[in-house]
Amino acid sequence: SGAYDLAIDGGGNIFVSDGGNHRVVKFDANGGYLGHWGQQGFGDNNSDIDTLYGIAVNEAGTKVYVVDFYANRVKSFESDGTFIAQSSSYQAPSSLPERFDNPAGIDVDPVTGTVLVTDSDNRRIKRLDGSSLAFVSNFGALGSAEGFFLYPEGIAIDANGYTWITDSRADRLQRYG
């Protein structure tokens, strides 16, 4: 219950963010159940997930990235559910640029491997290192002009390298790149 997002790897495997059950569910290309991982929790346990939202898979299909909305963090796992890393930004003081405030959408740049996350309540987009999930940079700010956001949620990087971002409170789509 509570499926929010999905991602598909190069082999056709489907990964679903099942927020209501605090887990990632993996299916094969025909929809056959392959397994799941995650458990309800807000702590530092590798499998703890409070409120799962966005999900993305890297180009090689070896890493799955998930957004934990209320815990204000991103986690990465191998495609079999083995924990890899967690963003440290959820513990950062609120005045620092790497601090998340209700992240929602996520995608992986297929060229650089950089992870991009919509940081909804901070009205910006964060770039994270695809291996360590360390903060790299961010862009955007509160506003309704081009390049600004009222509430960025969805994000996708297309085959031409453009980053597309939905802004749900501004009822618009913006393109970067």
N, C-alpha and C. Protein backbone atom coordinates (compact mmCIF):
# COMPACT_ATOMS: atom_id res chain seq x y z
N SER A 1 0.84 -1.19 0.00
CA SER A 1 0.00 0.00 0.00
C SER A 1 0.88 1.25 0.00
N GLY A 2 0.45 2.26 -0.66
CA GLY A 2 1.19 3.51 -0.66
C GLY A 2 2.33 3.57 -1.65
N ALA A 3 2.22 2.85 -2.77
CA ALA A 3 3.27 2.93 -3.79
C ALA A 3 3.32 4.36 -4.33
N TYR A 4 4.52 4.93 -4.34
CA TYR A 4 4.66 6.32 -4.73
C TYR A 4 5.35 6.50 -6.07
N ASP A 5 6.41 5.77 -6.32
CA ASP A 5 7.22 5.99 -7.51
C ASP A 5 7.79 4.65 -7.96
N LEU A 6 8.37 4.64 -9.16
CA LEU A 6 9.02 3.43 -9.64
C LEU A 6 10.20 3.80 -10.52
N ALA A 7 11.11 2.85 -10.67
CA ALA A 7 12.26 3.00 -11.55
C ALA A 7 12.50 1.66 -12.21
N ILE A 8 13.01 1.68 -13.43
CA ILE A 8 13.25 0.47 -14.20
C ILE A 8 14.70 0.44 -14.62
N ASP A 9 15.38 -0.69 -14.36
CA ASP A 9 16.78 -0.79 -14.75
C ASP A 9 16.91 -1.27 -16.19
N GLY A 10 18.12 -1.34 -16.69
CA GLY A 10 18.37 -1.73 -18.07
C GLY A 10 17.92 -3.13 -18.41
N GLY A 11 17.80 -4.00 -17.41
CA GLY A 11 17.34 -5.37 -17.63
C GLY A 11 15.83 -5.51 -17.53
N GLY A 12 15.14 -4.40 -17.30
CA GLY A 12 13.69 -4.42 -17.19
C GLY A 12 13.16 -4.65 -15.79
N ASN A 13 14.04 -4.87 -14.81
CA ASN A 13 13.57 -5.03 -13.43
C ASN A 13 12.93 -3.73 -12.95
N ILE A 14 11.86 -3.86 -12.20
CA ILE A 14 11.08 -2.71 -11.73
C ILE A 14 11.25 -2.60 -10.22
N PHE A 15 11.59 -1.40 -9.77
CA PHE A 15 11.75 -1.11 -8.34
C PHE A 15 10.67 -0.11 -7.95
N VAL A 16 9.87 -0.45 -6.95
CA VAL A 16 8.74 0.37 -6.53
C VAL A 16 9.00 0.89 -5.11
N SER A 17 8.82 2.20 -4.93
CA SER A 17 8.90 2.77 -3.58
C SER A 17 7.52 2.58 -2.93
N ASP A 18 7.46 1.66 -2.01
CA ASP A 18 6.23 1.31 -1.31
C ASP A 18 6.23 2.03 0.03
N GLY A 19 5.89 3.32 -0.01
CA GLY A 19 5.97 4.17 1.17
C GLY A 19 5.11 3.71 2.32
N GLY A 20 3.94 3.20 2.02
CA GLY A 20 3.04 2.76 3.08
C GLY A 20 3.58 1.59 3.89
N ASN A 21 4.46 0.81 3.27
CA ASN A 21 5.05 -0.33 3.96
C ASN A 21 6.55 -0.13 4.24
N HIS A 22 7.05 1.08 3.97
CA HIS A 22 8.43 1.45 4.31
C HIS A 22 9.45 0.52 3.66
N ARG A 23 9.25 0.24 2.38
CA ARG A 23 10.14 -0.71 1.72
C ARG A 23 10.23 -0.44 0.22
N VAL A 24 11.24 -1.05 -0.37
CA VAL A 24 11.41 -1.10 -1.82
C VAL A 24 11.01 -2.51 -2.25
N VAL A 25 10.19 -2.60 -3.29
CA VAL A 25 9.76 -3.90 -3.80
C VAL A 25 10.33 -4.05 -5.21
N LYS A 26 10.93 -5.20 -5.49
CA LYS A 26 11.55 -5.47 -6.79
C LYS A 26 10.73 -6.51 -7.55
N PHE A 27 10.47 -6.20 -8.83
CA PHE A 27 9.74 -7.11 -9.72
C PHE A 27 10.58 -7.35 -10.97
N ASP A 28 10.35 -8.47 -11.64
CA ASP A 28 11.02 -8.70 -12.91
C ASP A 28 10.28 -7.95 -14.01
N ALA A 29 10.75 -8.04 -15.23
CA ALA A 29 10.18 -7.30 -16.36
C ALA A 29 8.74 -7.69 -16.66
N ASN A 30 8.30 -8.84 -16.18
CA ASN A 30 6.91 -9.28 -16.39
C ASN A 30 6.02 -9.01 -15.19
N GLY A 31 6.56 -8.33 -14.17
CA GLY A 31 5.78 -8.03 -12.98
C GLY A 31 5.84 -9.10 -11.91
N GLY A 32 6.69 -10.09 -12.09
CA GLY A 32 6.83 -11.14 -11.08
C GLY A 32 7.64 -10.64 -9.89
N TYR A 33 7.14 -10.94 -8.71
CA TYR A 33 7.78 -10.50 -7.47
C TYR A 33 9.14 -11.16 -7.30
N LEU A 34 10.18 -10.32 -7.02
CA LEU A 34 11.53 -10.83 -6.79
C LEU A 34 12.01 -10.64 -5.36
N GLY A 35 11.38 -9.76 -4.61
CA GLY A 35 11.79 -9.53 -3.23
C GLY A 35 11.56 -8.09 -2.81
N HIS A 36 11.93 -7.80 -1.57
CA HIS A 36 11.79 -6.44 -1.05
C HIS A 36 12.81 -6.22 0.07
N TRP A 37 13.03 -4.95 0.41
CA TRP A 37 13.87 -4.61 1.55
C TRP A 37 13.39 -3.31 2.16
N GLY A 38 13.77 -3.11 3.41
CA GLY A 38 13.39 -1.93 4.16
C GLY A 38 12.48 -2.29 5.32
N GLN A 39 12.49 -1.40 6.30
CA GLN A 39 11.61 -1.56 7.46
C GLN A 39 11.30 -0.18 8.01
N GLN A 40 10.19 -0.06 8.70
CA GLN A 40 9.81 1.22 9.27
C GLN A 40 10.84 1.64 10.31
N GLY A 41 11.29 2.88 10.20
CA GLY A 41 12.24 3.39 11.17
C GLY A 41 12.79 4.73 10.76
N PHE A 42 13.17 5.49 11.74
CA PHE A 42 13.69 6.83 11.52
C PHE A 42 15.17 6.91 11.86
N GLY A 43 15.70 5.83 12.42
CA GLY A 43 17.07 5.84 12.92
C GLY A 43 18.12 5.60 11.85
N ASP A 44 19.32 5.30 12.32
CA ASP A 44 20.45 5.10 11.44
C ASP A 44 20.62 3.67 10.97
N ASN A 45 19.72 2.77 11.36
CA ASN A 45 19.79 1.41 10.87
C ASN A 45 19.76 1.44 9.34
N ASN A 46 20.62 0.68 8.71
CA ASN A 46 20.74 0.73 7.26
C ASN A 46 19.44 0.47 6.52
N SER A 47 18.56 -0.32 7.09
CA SER A 47 17.31 -0.64 6.40
C SER A 47 16.14 0.22 6.86
N ASP A 48 16.35 1.13 7.82
CA ASP A 48 15.27 2.00 8.29
C ASP A 48 14.82 2.97 7.21
N ILE A 49 13.53 3.01 6.96
CA ILE A 49 12.94 3.96 6.03
C ILE A 49 11.67 4.50 6.68
N ASP A 50 11.59 5.80 6.81
CA ASP A 50 10.41 6.40 7.44
C ASP A 50 9.30 6.59 6.41
N THR A 51 9.51 7.47 5.45
CA THR A 51 8.48 7.77 4.45
C THR A 51 9.13 7.78 3.07
N LEU A 52 9.02 6.67 2.38
CA LEU A 52 9.65 6.49 1.08
C LEU A 52 8.88 7.23 0.00
N TYR A 53 9.59 8.04 -0.78
CA TYR A 53 8.99 8.76 -1.90
C TYR A 53 9.67 8.36 -3.20
N GLY A 54 10.56 9.21 -3.69
CA GLY A 54 11.19 8.98 -4.98
C GLY A 54 12.15 7.81 -4.97
N ILE A 55 12.37 7.26 -6.18
CA ILE A 55 13.29 6.14 -6.36
C ILE A 55 13.93 6.26 -7.73
N ALA A 56 15.20 5.89 -7.84
CA ALA A 56 15.91 5.94 -9.11
C ALA A 56 16.93 4.81 -9.15
N VAL A 57 17.32 4.43 -10.36
CA VAL A 57 18.33 3.40 -10.57
C VAL A 57 19.41 3.99 -11.44
N ASN A 58 20.68 3.67 -11.14
CA ASN A 58 21.76 4.19 -11.98
C ASN A 58 21.76 3.52 -13.35
N GLU A 59 22.54 4.08 -14.27
CA GLU A 59 22.56 3.62 -15.66
C GLU A 59 22.91 2.13 -15.77
N ALA A 60 23.83 1.67 -14.95
CA ALA A 60 24.25 0.26 -15.00
C ALA A 60 23.24 -0.68 -14.34
N GLY A 61 22.29 -0.13 -13.59
CA GLY A 61 21.30 -0.95 -12.91
C GLY A 61 21.83 -1.60 -11.65
N THR A 62 22.97 -1.12 -11.14
CA THR A 62 23.59 -1.72 -9.98
C THR A 62 23.26 -1.02 -8.67
N LYS A 63 22.79 0.21 -8.75
CA LYS A 63 22.47 0.97 -7.53
C LYS A 63 21.05 1.50 -7.60
N VAL A 64 20.36 1.40 -6.46
CA VAL A 64 19.02 1.93 -6.31
C VAL A 64 19.09 3.05 -5.27
N TYR A 65 18.55 4.20 -5.61
CA TYR A 65 18.56 5.37 -4.72
C TYR A 65 17.13 5.66 -4.29
N VAL A 66 16.93 5.90 -2.99
CA VAL A 66 15.60 6.20 -2.48
C VAL A 66 15.61 7.48 -1.66
N VAL A 67 14.48 8.19 -1.71
CA VAL A 67 14.28 9.40 -0.92
C VAL A 67 13.40 9.06 0.27
N ASP A 68 13.89 9.39 1.45
CA ASP A 68 13.13 9.20 2.69
C ASP A 68 12.64 10.59 3.10
N PHE A 69 11.41 10.91 2.72
CA PHE A 69 10.83 12.26 2.78
C PHE A 69 10.91 12.90 4.17
N TYR A 70 10.30 12.29 5.17
CA TYR A 70 10.26 12.91 6.49
C TYR A 70 11.56 12.75 7.28
N ALA A 71 12.36 11.75 6.95
CA ALA A 71 13.66 11.60 7.61
C ALA A 71 14.71 12.50 6.96
N ASN A 72 14.33 13.17 5.87
CA ASN A 72 15.20 14.14 5.20
C ASN A 72 16.55 13.56 4.81
N ARG A 73 16.49 12.45 4.07
CA ARG A 73 17.72 11.80 3.66
C ARG A 73 17.52 11.01 2.37
N VAL A 74 18.66 10.63 1.79
CA VAL A 74 18.70 9.75 0.62
C VAL A 74 19.54 8.54 1.01
N LYS A 75 19.11 7.36 0.58
CA LYS A 75 19.87 6.14 0.82
C LYS A 75 20.13 5.45 -0.51
N SER A 76 21.23 4.72 -0.58
CA SER A 76 21.51 3.92 -1.77
C SER A 76 21.71 2.47 -1.36
N PHE A 77 21.30 1.59 -2.28
CA PHE A 77 21.38 0.15 -2.07
C PHE A 77 21.86 -0.50 -3.37
N GLU A 78 22.48 -1.66 -3.24
CA GLU A 78 22.73 -2.47 -4.43
C GLU A 78 21.37 -2.97 -4.90
N SER A 79 21.29 -3.45 -6.13
CA SER A 79 19.99 -3.86 -6.68
C SER A 79 19.39 -5.06 -5.96
N ASP A 80 20.17 -5.74 -5.11
CA ASP A 80 19.63 -6.85 -4.32
C ASP A 80 19.18 -6.40 -2.92
N GLY A 81 19.31 -5.08 -2.63
CA GLY A 81 18.87 -4.54 -1.36
C GLY A 81 19.97 -4.35 -0.33
N THR A 82 21.20 -4.69 -0.67
CA THR A 82 22.32 -4.49 0.25
C THR A 82 22.59 -2.99 0.40
N PHE A 83 22.62 -2.51 1.63
CA PHE A 83 22.84 -1.09 1.90
C PHE A 83 24.23 -0.66 1.43
N ILE A 84 24.30 0.56 0.82
CA ILE A 84 25.58 1.12 0.38
C ILE A 84 25.91 2.38 1.18
N ALA A 85 25.04 3.39 1.11
CA ALA A 85 25.36 4.68 1.74
C ALA A 85 24.09 5.43 2.10
N GLN A 86 24.28 6.44 2.93
CA GLN A 86 23.20 7.34 3.34
C GLN A 86 23.74 8.75 3.32
N SER A 87 22.95 9.69 2.84
CA SER A 87 23.38 11.09 2.86
C SER A 87 23.51 11.54 4.30
N SER A 88 24.56 12.28 4.58
CA SER A 88 24.75 12.78 5.94
C SER A 88 23.98 14.06 6.16
N SER A 89 23.39 14.57 5.11
CA SER A 89 22.73 15.88 5.19
C SER A 89 21.54 15.92 6.12
N TYR A 90 20.96 14.78 6.46
CA TYR A 90 19.80 14.82 7.36
C TYR A 90 20.21 15.21 8.77
N GLN A 91 21.50 15.11 9.09
CA GLN A 91 21.97 15.50 10.41
C GLN A 91 22.56 16.91 10.42
N ALA A 92 22.67 17.53 9.27
CA ALA A 92 23.31 18.85 9.18
C ALA A 92 22.42 19.92 9.82
N PRO A 93 23.04 20.96 10.39
CA PRO A 93 22.25 22.08 10.92
C PRO A 93 21.40 22.69 9.80
N SER A 94 20.22 23.18 10.14
CA SER A 94 19.29 23.69 9.13
C SER A 94 19.85 24.87 8.35
N SER A 95 20.87 25.54 8.86
CA SER A 95 21.44 26.68 8.15
C SER A 95 22.40 26.27 7.03
N LEU A 96 22.80 25.02 6.97
CA LEU A 96 23.75 24.58 5.95
C LEU A 96 23.04 24.20 4.66
N PRO A 97 23.67 24.45 3.50
CA PRO A 97 23.02 24.18 2.22
C PRO A 97 22.76 22.70 1.95
N GLU A 98 23.49 21.80 2.61
CA GLU A 98 23.28 20.38 2.36
C GLU A 98 22.09 19.79 3.13
N ARG A 99 21.48 20.54 4.01
CA ARG A 99 20.36 20.06 4.82
C ARG A 99 19.10 19.91 3.96
N PHE A 100 18.51 18.73 3.97
CA PHE A 100 17.25 18.50 3.26
C PHE A 100 16.08 18.96 4.12
N ASP A 101 15.01 19.38 3.45
CA ASP A 101 13.75 19.64 4.11
C ASP A 101 12.65 19.10 3.21
N ASN A 102 12.27 17.87 3.47
CA ASN A 102 11.27 17.14 2.71
C ASN A 102 11.65 16.93 1.24
N PRO A 103 12.72 16.14 1.01
CA PRO A 103 13.08 15.79 -0.37
C PRO A 103 12.01 14.87 -0.96
N ALA A 104 11.81 14.95 -2.26
CA ALA A 104 10.74 14.16 -2.87
C ALA A 104 11.21 13.35 -4.09
N GLY A 105 11.61 14.03 -5.15
CA GLY A 105 11.98 13.36 -6.39
C GLY A 105 13.47 13.11 -6.48
N ILE A 106 13.84 12.13 -7.32
CA ILE A 106 15.26 11.77 -7.46
C ILE A 106 15.50 11.19 -8.85
N ASP A 107 16.67 11.47 -9.39
CA ASP A 107 17.11 10.83 -10.63
C ASP A 107 18.62 10.81 -10.65
N VAL A 108 19.19 10.02 -11.55
CA VAL A 108 20.62 9.88 -11.66
C VAL A 108 21.06 10.33 -13.04
N ASP A 109 22.04 11.21 -13.11
CA ASP A 109 22.59 11.66 -14.38
C ASP A 109 23.30 10.47 -15.02
N PRO A 110 22.85 10.02 -16.21
CA PRO A 110 23.44 8.82 -16.81
C PRO A 110 24.88 9.01 -17.28
N VAL A 111 25.31 10.24 -17.44
CA VAL A 111 26.68 10.50 -17.89
C VAL A 111 27.64 10.60 -16.72
N THR A 112 27.28 11.38 -15.70
CA THR A 112 28.20 11.64 -14.59
C THR A 112 27.96 10.73 -13.38
N GLY A 113 26.78 10.14 -13.27
CA GLY A 113 26.43 9.35 -12.10
C GLY A 113 26.01 10.19 -10.90
N THR A 114 25.95 11.50 -11.09
CA THR A 114 25.52 12.40 -10.02
C THR A 114 24.03 12.19 -9.75
N VAL A 115 23.67 12.22 -8.47
CA VAL A 115 22.28 12.05 -8.07
C VAL A 115 21.67 13.44 -7.86
N LEU A 116 20.53 13.69 -8.48
CA LEU A 116 19.81 14.96 -8.31
C LEU A 116 18.53 14.71 -7.53
N VAL A 117 18.27 15.58 -6.54
CA VAL A 117 17.13 15.39 -5.64
C VAL A 117 16.37 16.71 -5.53
N THR A 118 15.04 16.64 -5.63
CA THR A 118 14.23 17.84 -5.38
C THR A 118 14.09 17.99 -3.87
N ASP A 119 14.55 19.13 -3.38
CA ASP A 119 14.50 19.45 -1.95
C ASP A 119 13.32 20.40 -1.76
N SER A 120 12.14 19.82 -1.64
CA SER A 120 10.88 20.55 -1.81
C SER A 120 10.70 21.76 -0.90
N ASP A 121 10.84 21.60 0.40
CA ASP A 121 10.59 22.72 1.30
C ASP A 121 11.72 23.75 1.34
N ASN A 122 12.89 23.37 0.83
CA ASN A 122 13.98 24.35 0.68
C ASN A 122 13.95 25.02 -0.70
N ARG A 123 13.04 24.56 -1.55
CA ARG A 123 12.83 25.13 -2.89
C ARG A 123 14.11 25.14 -3.72
N ARG A 124 14.81 23.99 -3.74
CA ARG A 124 16.02 23.90 -4.53
C ARG A 124 16.27 22.45 -4.94
N ILE A 125 17.25 22.28 -5.81
CA ILE A 125 17.66 20.97 -6.29
C ILE A 125 19.06 20.70 -5.76
N LYS A 126 19.26 19.52 -5.19
CA LYS A 126 20.57 19.16 -4.66
C LYS A 126 21.25 18.15 -5.59
N ARG A 127 22.56 18.32 -5.72
CA ARG A 127 23.39 17.34 -6.42
C ARG A 127 24.20 16.59 -5.36
N LEU A 128 24.17 15.25 -5.45
CA LEU A 128 24.91 14.40 -4.53
C LEU A 128 25.86 13.51 -5.32
N ASP A 129 26.98 13.17 -4.72
CA ASP A 129 27.91 12.23 -5.31
C ASP A 129 27.22 10.87 -5.40
N GLY A 130 27.27 10.23 -6.55
CA GLY A 130 26.56 8.97 -6.75
C GLY A 130 27.10 7.80 -5.95
N SER A 131 28.34 7.89 -5.48
CA SER A 131 28.92 6.80 -4.70
C SER A 131 28.72 6.99 -3.20
N SER A 132 29.10 8.16 -2.70
CA SER A 132 29.06 8.40 -1.25
C SER A 132 27.80 9.10 -0.77
N LEU A 133 27.04 9.68 -1.70
CA LEU A 133 25.88 10.52 -1.41
C LEU A 133 26.26 11.80 -0.67
N ALA A 134 27.52 12.19 -0.77
CA ALA A 134 27.97 13.45 -0.18
C ALA A 134 27.41 14.61 -0.99
N PHE A 135 27.10 15.69 -0.30
CA PHE A 135 26.58 16.91 -0.94
C PHE A 135 27.63 17.48 -1.89
N VAL A 136 27.20 17.84 -3.10
CA VAL A 136 28.08 18.45 -4.08
C VAL A 136 27.72 19.92 -4.27
N SER A 137 26.45 20.19 -4.58
CA SER A 137 26.01 21.56 -4.79
C SER A 137 24.49 21.59 -4.85
N ASN A 138 23.93 22.79 -4.98
CA ASN A 138 22.49 22.91 -5.19
C ASN A 138 22.22 24.14 -6.05
N PHE A 139 21.01 24.18 -6.57
CA PHE A 139 20.57 25.37 -7.31
C PHE A 139 19.09 25.58 -7.07
N GLY A 140 18.66 26.83 -7.28
CA GLY A 140 17.26 27.19 -7.09
C GLY A 140 17.05 27.93 -5.78
N ALA A 141 15.90 28.57 -5.69
CA ALA A 141 15.50 29.31 -4.50
C ALA A 141 14.00 29.55 -4.59
N LEU A 142 13.42 30.06 -3.51
CA LEU A 142 12.00 30.35 -3.47
C LEU A 142 11.67 31.49 -4.42
N GLY A 143 10.67 31.27 -5.26
CA GLY A 143 10.20 32.30 -6.17
C GLY A 143 9.42 31.71 -7.32
N SER A 144 8.77 32.57 -8.07
CA SER A 144 7.94 32.11 -9.18
C SER A 144 8.55 32.43 -10.55
N ALA A 145 9.68 33.13 -10.58
CA ALA A 145 10.34 33.43 -11.85
C ALA A 145 11.06 32.18 -12.36
N GLU A 146 11.48 32.22 -13.61
CA GLU A 146 12.22 31.12 -14.19
C GLU A 146 13.50 30.87 -13.37
N GLY A 147 13.76 29.60 -13.07
CA GLY A 147 14.92 29.26 -12.27
C GLY A 147 14.66 29.23 -10.78
N PHE A 148 13.44 29.57 -10.38
CA PHE A 148 13.04 29.56 -8.99
C PHE A 148 11.91 28.54 -8.81
N PHE A 149 11.64 28.17 -7.57
CA PHE A 149 10.63 27.14 -7.30
C PHE A 149 9.71 27.55 -6.15
N LEU A 150 8.46 27.12 -6.26
CA LEU A 150 7.54 27.22 -5.14
C LEU A 150 7.49 25.89 -4.38
N TYR A 151 7.57 24.76 -5.10
CA TYR A 151 7.62 23.45 -4.47
C TYR A 151 8.04 22.40 -5.50
N PRO A 152 9.36 22.25 -5.72
CA PRO A 152 9.81 21.26 -6.70
C PRO A 152 9.58 19.85 -6.18
N GLU A 153 9.05 18.98 -7.05
CA GLU A 153 8.79 17.60 -6.62
C GLU A 153 9.38 16.57 -7.57
N GLY A 154 8.92 16.54 -8.81
CA GLY A 154 9.39 15.54 -9.75
C GLY A 154 10.66 15.99 -10.47
N ILE A 155 11.50 15.03 -10.83
CA ILE A 155 12.73 15.34 -11.55
C ILE A 155 13.08 14.17 -12.46
N ALA A 156 13.54 14.49 -13.65
CA ALA A 156 13.98 13.47 -14.61
C ALA A 156 15.05 14.07 -15.51
N ILE A 157 16.00 13.24 -15.89
CA ILE A 157 17.05 13.66 -16.82
C ILE A 157 16.83 12.89 -18.10
N ASP A 158 16.68 13.61 -19.22
CA ASP A 158 16.39 12.95 -20.49
C ASP A 158 17.66 12.50 -21.21
N ALA A 159 17.47 11.84 -22.34
CA ALA A 159 18.59 11.30 -23.11
C ALA A 159 19.52 12.37 -23.67
N ASN A 160 19.04 13.61 -23.76
CA ASN A 160 19.86 14.72 -24.26
C ASN A 160 20.59 15.45 -23.14
N GLY A 161 20.42 15.00 -21.90
CA GLY A 161 21.11 15.60 -20.78
C GLY A 161 20.37 16.74 -20.11
N TYR A 162 19.16 17.02 -20.56
CA TYR A 162 18.36 18.07 -19.92
C TYR A 162 17.73 17.54 -18.64
N THR A 163 17.69 18.39 -17.62
CA THR A 163 17.03 18.05 -16.37
C THR A 163 15.67 18.73 -16.36
N TRP A 164 14.63 17.96 -16.16
CA TRP A 164 13.25 18.44 -16.13
C TRP A 164 12.74 18.37 -14.69
N ILE A 165 12.13 19.45 -14.24
CA ILE A 165 11.66 19.54 -12.85
C ILE A 165 10.22 20.04 -12.83
N THR A 166 9.37 19.30 -12.09
CA THR A 166 8.00 19.77 -11.91
C THR A 166 7.94 20.60 -10.64
N ASP A 167 7.17 21.67 -10.70
CA ASP A 167 6.95 22.56 -9.56
C ASP A 167 5.45 22.53 -9.30
N SER A 168 5.04 21.74 -8.30
CA SER A 168 3.61 21.48 -8.11
C SER A 168 2.82 22.70 -7.66
N ARG A 169 3.42 23.61 -6.93
CA ARG A 169 2.67 24.79 -6.47
C ARG A 169 2.67 25.90 -7.50
N ALA A 170 3.58 25.84 -8.45
CA ALA A 170 3.60 26.82 -9.54
C ALA A 170 2.93 26.27 -10.79
N ASP A 171 2.50 25.00 -10.73
CA ASP A 171 1.84 24.34 -11.86
C ASP A 171 2.65 24.49 -13.14
N ARG A 172 3.93 24.12 -13.05
CA ARG A 172 4.76 24.23 -14.25
C ARG A 172 5.88 23.20 -14.26
N LEU A 173 6.50 23.14 -15.43
CA LEU A 173 7.63 22.27 -15.70
C LEU A 173 8.78 23.17 -16.15
N GLN A 174 9.98 22.95 -15.59
CA GLN A 174 11.15 23.74 -15.99
C GLN A 174 12.22 22.80 -16.51
N ARG A 175 12.98 23.31 -17.48
CA ARG A 175 14.07 22.53 -18.08
C ARG A 175 15.40 23.24 -17.82
N TYR A 176 16.42 22.44 -17.45
CA TYR A 176 17.76 22.96 -17.21
C TYR A 176 18.74 22.15 -18.04
N GLY A 177 19.84 22.81 -18.38
CA GLY A 177 20.92 22.09 -19.07
C GLY A 177 21.21 22.51 -20.42
